[in-house]
Amino acid sequence: MIVDLACLALMVALVVDVFLGVFSRYVLQATFQWYDEVARLCFVWTVFLGAAVAVRRGTHFRLHLLIDRVGARPRRAVDVLVTLIVMAFGGVLVTGGLAIAPIARRQVTDALEISMLWFYGALPVGGALMILYSLPQLWRLVRRP
């Protein structure tokens, strides 16, 4: 899927960027001014897109120690509740990300001089993907006899 590939590309870019930053600092004795901003940008997007991928795969954080101890009927109810909580968290990310957008649009980073919207944009995108990926899971749980 495209989100998985985006996470992979961001992770590769993050590793290359941090390597260049360390190389410039310790070998060239002159640190690139932009490497930490690029690393932060890649990291933020990797976290939120990766969370959405985890939701799609059903590998997001759950308390398996507790969930695995309940029977089939209560487990289904717990799975529905967990899915709804994940969707609510995605909704918080979307609303929070959209609320901060007007402020972030006016701010720029120091080295790259790009809008902070590039950083904060990961919140609503990741949240929307989490909600989108939760919908089929919720549908399967509700429709299951």
N, C-alpha and C. Protein backbone atom coordinates (compact mmCIF):
# COMPACT_ATOMS: atom_id res chain seq x y z
N MET A 1 0.84 -1.18 0.00
CA MET A 1 0.00 0.00 0.00
C MET A 1 0.89 1.24 0.00
N ILE A 2 0.34 2.32 -0.44
CA ILE A 2 1.11 3.55 -0.61
C ILE A 2 1.57 4.14 0.73
N VAL A 3 0.78 3.97 1.78
CA VAL A 3 1.18 4.50 3.08
C VAL A 3 2.37 3.73 3.62
N ASP A 4 2.39 2.41 3.39
CA ASP A 4 3.54 1.60 3.81
C ASP A 4 4.81 2.05 3.09
N LEU A 5 4.68 2.29 1.79
CA LEU A 5 5.84 2.76 1.01
C LEU A 5 6.29 4.14 1.46
N ALA A 6 5.35 4.99 1.81
CA ALA A 6 5.70 6.32 2.32
C ALA A 6 6.46 6.20 3.64
N CYS A 7 6.02 5.30 4.51
CA CYS A 7 6.74 5.07 5.78
C CYS A 7 8.15 4.55 5.51
N LEU A 8 8.27 3.63 4.57
CA LEU A 8 9.59 3.10 4.23
C LEU A 8 10.49 4.20 3.68
N ALA A 9 9.97 5.00 2.77
CA ALA A 9 10.76 6.08 2.18
C ALA A 9 11.17 7.10 3.24
N LEU A 10 10.25 7.43 4.14
CA LEU A 10 10.57 8.37 5.22
C LEU A 10 11.63 7.81 6.16
N MET A 11 11.55 6.53 6.44
CA MET A 11 12.53 5.91 7.32
C MET A 11 13.92 5.89 6.67
N VAL A 12 13.97 5.59 5.38
CA VAL A 12 15.25 5.61 4.66
C VAL A 12 15.80 7.03 4.64
N ALA A 13 14.95 8.01 4.37
CA ALA A 13 15.39 9.41 4.37
C ALA A 13 15.89 9.82 5.76
N LEU A 14 15.22 9.35 6.80
CA LEU A 14 15.63 9.67 8.16
C LEU A 14 17.02 9.09 8.47
N VAL A 15 17.24 7.86 8.10
CA VAL A 15 18.55 7.23 8.34
C VAL A 15 19.65 7.93 7.57
N VAL A 16 19.40 8.21 6.30
CA VAL A 16 20.40 8.90 5.48
C VAL A 16 20.68 10.29 6.03
N ASP A 17 19.63 10.99 6.43
CA ASP A 17 19.79 12.34 6.95
C ASP A 17 20.59 12.36 8.24
N VAL A 18 20.28 11.45 9.16
CA VAL A 18 21.03 11.41 10.42
C VAL A 18 22.48 11.00 10.16
N PHE A 19 22.69 10.08 9.23
CA PHE A 19 24.06 9.71 8.87
C PHE A 19 24.82 10.92 8.35
N LEU A 20 24.19 11.70 7.47
CA LEU A 20 24.85 12.90 6.94
C LEU A 20 25.13 13.91 8.05
N GLY A 21 24.22 14.04 8.99
CA GLY A 21 24.43 14.95 10.10
C GLY A 21 25.61 14.54 10.96
N VAL A 22 25.69 13.26 11.27
CA VAL A 22 26.82 12.76 12.08
C VAL A 22 28.11 12.89 11.28
N PHE A 23 28.07 12.55 10.00
CA PHE A 23 29.26 12.67 9.16
C PHE A 23 29.75 14.11 9.09
N SER A 24 28.81 15.03 8.91
CA SER A 24 29.22 16.44 8.81
C SER A 24 29.80 16.95 10.12
N ARG A 25 29.26 16.49 11.21
CA ARG A 25 29.73 16.97 12.51
C ARG A 25 31.10 16.40 12.87
N TYR A 26 31.29 15.11 12.70
CA TYR A 26 32.50 14.48 13.20
C TYR A 26 33.61 14.30 12.16
N VAL A 27 33.26 14.27 10.89
CA VAL A 27 34.29 14.11 9.85
C VAL A 27 34.63 15.45 9.21
N LEU A 28 33.61 16.19 8.82
CA LEU A 28 33.84 17.48 8.17
C LEU A 28 34.08 18.60 9.17
N GLN A 29 33.78 18.34 10.43
CA GLN A 29 33.92 19.33 11.50
C GLN A 29 33.07 20.59 11.26
N ALA A 30 32.03 20.45 10.49
CA ALA A 30 31.09 21.55 10.24
C ALA A 30 29.71 20.94 10.06
N THR A 31 28.83 21.18 11.00
CA THR A 31 27.51 20.56 10.99
C THR A 31 26.59 21.21 9.96
N PHE A 32 25.90 20.34 9.21
CA PHE A 32 24.86 20.85 8.33
C PHE A 32 23.76 21.45 9.21
N GLN A 33 23.31 22.63 8.88
CA GLN A 33 22.33 23.32 9.70
C GLN A 33 20.92 22.74 9.55
N TRP A 34 20.67 22.04 8.50
CA TRP A 34 19.32 21.61 8.17
C TRP A 34 19.01 20.17 8.56
N TYR A 35 20.01 19.39 8.93
CA TYR A 35 19.77 17.95 9.07
C TYR A 35 18.80 17.60 10.21
N ASP A 36 18.84 18.34 11.30
CA ASP A 36 17.94 18.01 12.41
C ASP A 36 16.49 18.33 12.08
N GLU A 37 16.24 19.37 11.29
CA GLU A 37 14.86 19.68 10.89
C GLU A 37 14.32 18.62 9.93
N VAL A 38 15.16 18.17 9.02
CA VAL A 38 14.73 17.12 8.09
C VAL A 38 14.45 15.83 8.88
N ALA A 39 15.34 15.51 9.83
CA ALA A 39 15.14 14.31 10.65
C ALA A 39 13.84 14.41 11.44
N ARG A 40 13.58 15.56 12.02
CA ARG A 40 12.35 15.74 12.80
C ARG A 40 11.11 15.61 11.91
N LEU A 41 11.18 16.19 10.73
CA LEU A 41 10.05 16.11 9.80
C LEU A 41 9.79 14.65 9.39
N CYS A 42 10.84 13.94 9.04
CA CYS A 42 10.69 12.54 8.66
C CYS A 42 10.16 11.71 9.83
N PHE A 43 10.66 11.97 11.02
CA PHE A 43 10.24 11.22 12.19
C PHE A 43 8.76 11.44 12.51
N VAL A 44 8.33 12.70 12.48
CA VAL A 44 6.93 13.01 12.80
C VAL A 44 6.00 12.31 11.82
N TRP A 45 6.30 12.41 10.53
CA TRP A 45 5.44 11.76 9.54
C TRP A 45 5.49 10.24 9.65
N THR A 46 6.66 9.68 9.95
CA THR A 46 6.77 8.24 10.12
C THR A 46 5.92 7.76 11.29
N VAL A 47 5.92 8.50 12.38
CA VAL A 47 5.13 8.12 13.55
C VAL A 47 3.64 8.09 13.23
N PHE A 48 3.11 9.14 12.64
CA PHE A 48 1.68 9.19 12.42
C PHE A 48 1.21 8.31 11.27
N LEU A 49 2.00 8.21 10.22
CA LEU A 49 1.63 7.27 9.15
C LEU A 49 1.82 5.83 9.62
N GLY A 50 2.86 5.59 10.41
CA GLY A 50 3.08 4.25 10.96
C GLY A 50 1.97 3.83 11.91
N ALA A 51 1.44 4.77 12.68
CA ALA A 51 0.31 4.46 13.55
C ALA A 51 -0.90 4.05 12.72
N ALA A 52 -1.12 4.72 11.61
CA ALA A 52 -2.24 4.37 10.73
C ALA A 52 -2.03 2.98 10.13
N VAL A 53 -0.81 2.67 9.73
CA VAL A 53 -0.51 1.34 9.20
C VAL A 53 -0.75 0.28 10.27
N ALA A 54 -0.36 0.57 11.50
CA ALA A 54 -0.58 -0.37 12.59
C ALA A 54 -2.08 -0.61 12.82
N VAL A 55 -2.87 0.42 12.68
CA VAL A 55 -4.32 0.27 12.82
C VAL A 55 -4.85 -0.61 11.70
N ARG A 56 -4.39 -0.36 10.48
CA ARG A 56 -4.86 -1.15 9.33
C ARG A 56 -4.51 -2.63 9.50
N ARG A 57 -3.33 -2.89 10.01
CA ARG A 57 -2.88 -4.28 10.20
C ARG A 57 -3.43 -4.91 11.47
N GLY A 58 -4.04 -4.11 12.33
CA GLY A 58 -4.55 -4.63 13.60
C GLY A 58 -3.46 -4.90 14.61
N THR A 59 -2.33 -4.21 14.47
CA THR A 59 -1.20 -4.42 15.38
C THR A 59 -0.97 -3.23 16.30
N HIS A 60 -1.97 -2.37 16.42
CA HIS A 60 -1.83 -1.24 17.31
C HIS A 60 -1.85 -1.72 18.76
N PHE A 61 -1.53 -0.84 19.66
CA PHE A 61 -1.42 -1.18 21.07
C PHE A 61 -2.76 -1.65 21.63
N ARG A 62 -2.73 -2.82 22.22
CA ARG A 62 -3.89 -3.35 22.93
C ARG A 62 -3.37 -4.10 24.15
N LEU A 63 -4.18 -4.19 25.14
CA LEU A 63 -3.80 -4.91 26.35
C LEU A 63 -4.13 -6.39 26.18
N HIS A 64 -3.28 -7.11 25.44
CA HIS A 64 -3.54 -8.51 25.15
C HIS A 64 -3.61 -9.35 26.42
N LEU A 65 -2.88 -8.97 27.43
CA LEU A 65 -2.88 -9.71 28.68
C LEU A 65 -4.29 -9.76 29.26
N LEU A 66 -5.02 -8.67 29.14
CA LEU A 66 -6.38 -8.63 29.66
C LEU A 66 -7.40 -9.14 28.65
N ILE A 67 -7.25 -8.76 27.41
CA ILE A 67 -8.23 -9.11 26.38
C ILE A 67 -8.26 -10.61 26.12
N ASP A 68 -7.11 -11.26 26.16
CA ASP A 68 -7.05 -12.69 25.88
C ASP A 68 -7.68 -13.54 27.00
N ARG A 69 -7.93 -12.95 28.15
CA ARG A 69 -8.50 -13.70 29.28
C ARG A 69 -10.02 -13.72 29.28
N VAL A 70 -10.64 -12.90 28.47
CA VAL A 70 -12.11 -12.87 28.46
C VAL A 70 -12.63 -13.85 27.42
N GLY A 71 -13.89 -14.22 27.56
CA GLY A 71 -14.52 -15.15 26.63
C GLY A 71 -14.78 -14.52 25.27
N ALA A 72 -15.40 -15.30 24.40
CA ALA A 72 -15.62 -14.86 23.01
C ALA A 72 -16.58 -13.69 22.93
N ARG A 73 -17.69 -13.75 23.64
CA ARG A 73 -18.69 -12.68 23.57
C ARG A 73 -18.16 -11.38 24.16
N PRO A 74 -17.60 -11.41 25.38
CA PRO A 74 -17.04 -10.16 25.91
C PRO A 74 -15.85 -9.65 25.09
N ARG A 75 -15.11 -10.57 24.51
CA ARG A 75 -13.96 -10.15 23.71
C ARG A 75 -14.41 -9.35 22.49
N ARG A 76 -15.51 -9.78 21.89
CA ARG A 76 -16.04 -9.04 20.74
C ARG A 76 -16.43 -7.63 21.16
N ALA A 77 -17.07 -7.50 22.31
CA ALA A 77 -17.45 -6.18 22.82
C ALA A 77 -16.21 -5.34 23.11
N VAL A 78 -15.19 -5.97 23.67
CA VAL A 78 -13.94 -5.25 23.96
C VAL A 78 -13.28 -4.83 22.65
N ASP A 79 -13.28 -5.70 21.64
CA ASP A 79 -12.70 -5.34 20.34
C ASP A 79 -13.43 -4.17 19.70
N VAL A 80 -14.75 -4.15 19.82
CA VAL A 80 -15.53 -3.02 19.29
C VAL A 80 -15.17 -1.75 20.06
N LEU A 81 -15.08 -1.86 21.39
CA LEU A 81 -14.72 -0.70 22.20
C LEU A 81 -13.33 -0.18 21.85
N VAL A 82 -12.36 -1.08 21.68
CA VAL A 82 -11.00 -0.67 21.33
C VAL A 82 -11.00 0.02 19.97
N THR A 83 -11.74 -0.51 19.02
CA THR A 83 -11.81 0.11 17.69
C THR A 83 -12.43 1.50 17.78
N LEU A 84 -13.46 1.64 18.59
CA LEU A 84 -14.09 2.96 18.76
C LEU A 84 -13.14 3.94 19.45
N ILE A 85 -12.34 3.46 20.39
CA ILE A 85 -11.36 4.32 21.06
C ILE A 85 -10.29 4.77 20.07
N VAL A 86 -9.85 3.86 19.22
CA VAL A 86 -8.87 4.22 18.18
C VAL A 86 -9.45 5.26 17.24
N MET A 87 -10.71 5.09 16.87
CA MET A 87 -11.36 6.07 15.99
C MET A 87 -11.50 7.43 16.69
N ALA A 88 -11.83 7.40 17.97
CA ALA A 88 -11.93 8.65 18.72
C ALA A 88 -10.58 9.35 18.81
N PHE A 89 -9.52 8.57 19.03
CA PHE A 89 -8.18 9.15 19.07
C PHE A 89 -7.83 9.75 17.71
N GLY A 90 -8.19 9.06 16.63
CA GLY A 90 -7.98 9.62 15.29
C GLY A 90 -8.74 10.91 15.12
N GLY A 91 -9.96 10.97 15.65
CA GLY A 91 -10.74 12.21 15.59
C GLY A 91 -10.09 13.35 16.35
N VAL A 92 -9.50 13.04 17.49
CA VAL A 92 -8.76 14.06 18.26
C VAL A 92 -7.58 14.57 17.46
N LEU A 93 -6.87 13.66 16.79
CA LEU A 93 -5.73 14.08 15.97
C LEU A 93 -6.17 14.98 14.82
N VAL A 94 -7.26 14.62 14.19
CA VAL A 94 -7.76 15.43 13.07
C VAL A 94 -8.18 16.81 13.55
N THR A 95 -9.00 16.87 14.59
CA THR A 95 -9.48 18.17 15.05
C THR A 95 -8.35 19.02 15.62
N GLY A 96 -7.44 18.38 16.36
CA GLY A 96 -6.30 19.13 16.90
C GLY A 96 -5.38 19.63 15.81
N GLY A 97 -5.13 18.78 14.82
CA GLY A 97 -4.27 19.19 13.72
C GLY A 97 -4.87 20.32 12.90
N LEU A 98 -6.17 20.25 12.67
CA LEU A 98 -6.83 21.32 11.92
C LEU A 98 -6.92 22.61 12.74
N ALA A 99 -7.05 22.47 14.05
CA ALA A 99 -7.13 23.66 14.91
C ALA A 99 -5.80 24.41 14.96
N ILE A 100 -4.70 23.68 14.90
CA ILE A 100 -3.38 24.32 14.99
C ILE A 100 -2.89 24.81 13.63
N ALA A 101 -3.55 24.41 12.56
CA ALA A 101 -3.10 24.75 11.21
C ALA A 101 -2.96 26.25 10.96
N PRO A 102 -3.90 27.09 11.37
CA PRO A 102 -3.73 28.53 11.11
C PRO A 102 -2.49 29.12 11.79
N ILE A 103 -2.18 28.63 12.97
CA ILE A 103 -0.99 29.11 13.68
C ILE A 103 0.27 28.56 13.01
N ALA A 104 0.24 27.26 12.68
CA ALA A 104 1.41 26.63 12.07
C ALA A 104 1.73 27.22 10.70
N ARG A 105 0.72 27.66 9.99
CA ARG A 105 0.92 28.23 8.66
C ARG A 105 1.79 29.49 8.71
N ARG A 106 1.68 30.24 9.81
CA ARG A 106 2.43 31.49 9.94
C ARG A 106 3.85 31.29 10.48
N GLN A 107 4.16 30.11 10.99
CA GLN A 107 5.48 29.86 11.55
C GLN A 107 6.35 29.15 10.52
N VAL A 108 7.64 29.44 10.56
CA VAL A 108 8.58 28.77 9.67
C VAL A 108 9.73 28.21 10.49
N THR A 109 10.38 27.20 9.96
CA THR A 109 11.52 26.60 10.64
C THR A 109 12.74 27.50 10.48
N ASP A 110 13.71 27.32 11.34
CA ASP A 110 14.89 28.17 11.33
C ASP A 110 15.81 27.92 10.13
N ALA A 111 16.17 26.67 9.91
CA ALA A 111 17.17 26.38 8.88
C ALA A 111 16.57 26.29 7.48
N LEU A 112 15.51 25.52 7.34
CA LEU A 112 14.93 25.31 6.02
C LEU A 112 13.96 26.40 5.61
N GLU A 113 13.45 27.13 6.58
CA GLU A 113 12.47 28.17 6.35
C GLU A 113 11.23 27.66 5.61
N ILE A 114 10.77 26.49 6.03
CA ILE A 114 9.52 25.95 5.50
C ILE A 114 8.44 26.12 6.56
N SER A 115 7.22 26.10 6.14
CA SER A 115 6.10 26.29 7.04
C SER A 115 6.01 25.13 8.04
N MET A 116 5.66 25.46 9.28
CA MET A 116 5.46 24.44 10.29
C MET A 116 4.23 23.60 9.98
N LEU A 117 3.46 24.02 9.02
CA LEU A 117 2.31 23.24 8.58
C LEU A 117 2.75 21.88 8.05
N TRP A 118 3.96 21.80 7.50
CA TRP A 118 4.50 20.52 7.04
C TRP A 118 4.67 19.55 8.21
N PHE A 119 4.97 20.06 9.39
CA PHE A 119 5.12 19.22 10.56
C PHE A 119 3.75 18.86 11.14
N TYR A 120 2.94 19.87 11.39
CA TYR A 120 1.65 19.65 12.02
C TYR A 120 0.63 18.99 11.10
N GLY A 121 0.89 19.00 9.82
CA GLY A 121 0.00 18.33 8.87
C GLY A 121 -0.06 16.83 9.05
N ALA A 122 0.94 16.27 9.71
CA ALA A 122 0.95 14.82 9.95
C ALA A 122 -0.17 14.40 10.89
N LEU A 123 -0.60 15.29 11.79
CA LEU A 123 -1.64 14.93 12.75
C LEU A 123 -2.99 14.65 12.07
N PRO A 124 -3.55 15.58 11.30
CA PRO A 124 -4.84 15.26 10.69
C PRO A 124 -4.75 14.16 9.63
N VAL A 125 -3.63 14.08 8.93
CA VAL A 125 -3.49 13.03 7.92
C VAL A 125 -3.44 11.66 8.60
N GLY A 126 -2.60 11.53 9.61
CA GLY A 126 -2.51 10.27 10.34
C GLY A 126 -3.82 9.91 11.02
N GLY A 127 -4.47 10.90 11.64
CA GLY A 127 -5.74 10.65 12.30
C GLY A 127 -6.82 10.22 11.33
N ALA A 128 -6.89 10.88 10.19
CA ALA A 128 -7.90 10.51 9.19
C ALA A 128 -7.66 9.10 8.66
N LEU A 129 -6.40 8.76 8.46
CA LEU A 129 -6.09 7.40 8.00
C LEU A 129 -6.42 6.37 9.07
N MET A 130 -6.19 6.71 10.34
CA MET A 130 -6.55 5.79 11.41
C MET A 130 -8.06 5.53 11.43
N ILE A 131 -8.84 6.59 11.26
CA ILE A 131 -10.30 6.43 11.21
C ILE A 131 -10.70 5.61 9.99
N LEU A 132 -10.13 5.95 8.85
CA LEU A 132 -10.45 5.24 7.60
C LEU A 132 -10.12 3.76 7.71
N TYR A 133 -8.97 3.43 8.29
CA TYR A 133 -8.57 2.03 8.41
C TYR A 133 -9.34 1.30 9.51
N SER A 134 -9.93 2.03 10.45
CA SER A 134 -10.71 1.40 11.51
C SER A 134 -12.12 1.02 11.05
N LEU A 135 -12.62 1.73 10.07
CA LEU A 135 -14.00 1.48 9.62
C LEU A 135 -14.24 0.05 9.15
N PRO A 136 -13.39 -0.54 8.30
CA PRO A 136 -13.64 -1.93 7.90
C PRO A 136 -13.55 -2.90 9.08
N GLN A 137 -12.65 -2.63 10.02
CA GLN A 137 -12.54 -3.50 11.19
C GLN A 137 -13.81 -3.42 12.03
N LEU A 138 -14.32 -2.21 12.22
CA LEU A 138 -15.55 -2.04 12.98
C LEU A 138 -16.72 -2.72 12.27
N TRP A 139 -16.77 -2.58 10.97
CA TRP A 139 -17.83 -3.21 10.18
C TRP A 139 -17.79 -4.73 10.33
N ARG A 140 -16.59 -5.32 10.26
CA ARG A 140 -16.46 -6.77 10.42
C ARG A 140 -16.87 -7.21 11.83
N LEU A 141 -16.51 -6.44 12.83
CA LEU A 141 -16.86 -6.81 14.21
C LEU A 141 -18.36 -6.72 14.44
N VAL A 142 -19.00 -5.72 13.89
CA VAL A 142 -20.43 -5.54 14.08
C VAL A 142 -21.22 -6.58 13.29
N ARG A 143 -20.78 -6.91 12.11
CA ARG A 143 -21.49 -7.84 11.24
C ARG A 143 -21.26 -9.30 11.61
N ARG A 144 -20.20 -9.59 12.37
CA ARG A 144 -19.86 -10.97 12.72
C ARG A 144 -20.94 -11.55 13.64
N PRO A 145 -21.43 -12.75 13.31
CA PRO A 145 -22.50 -13.36 14.13
C PRO A 145 -21.99 -13.83 15.49
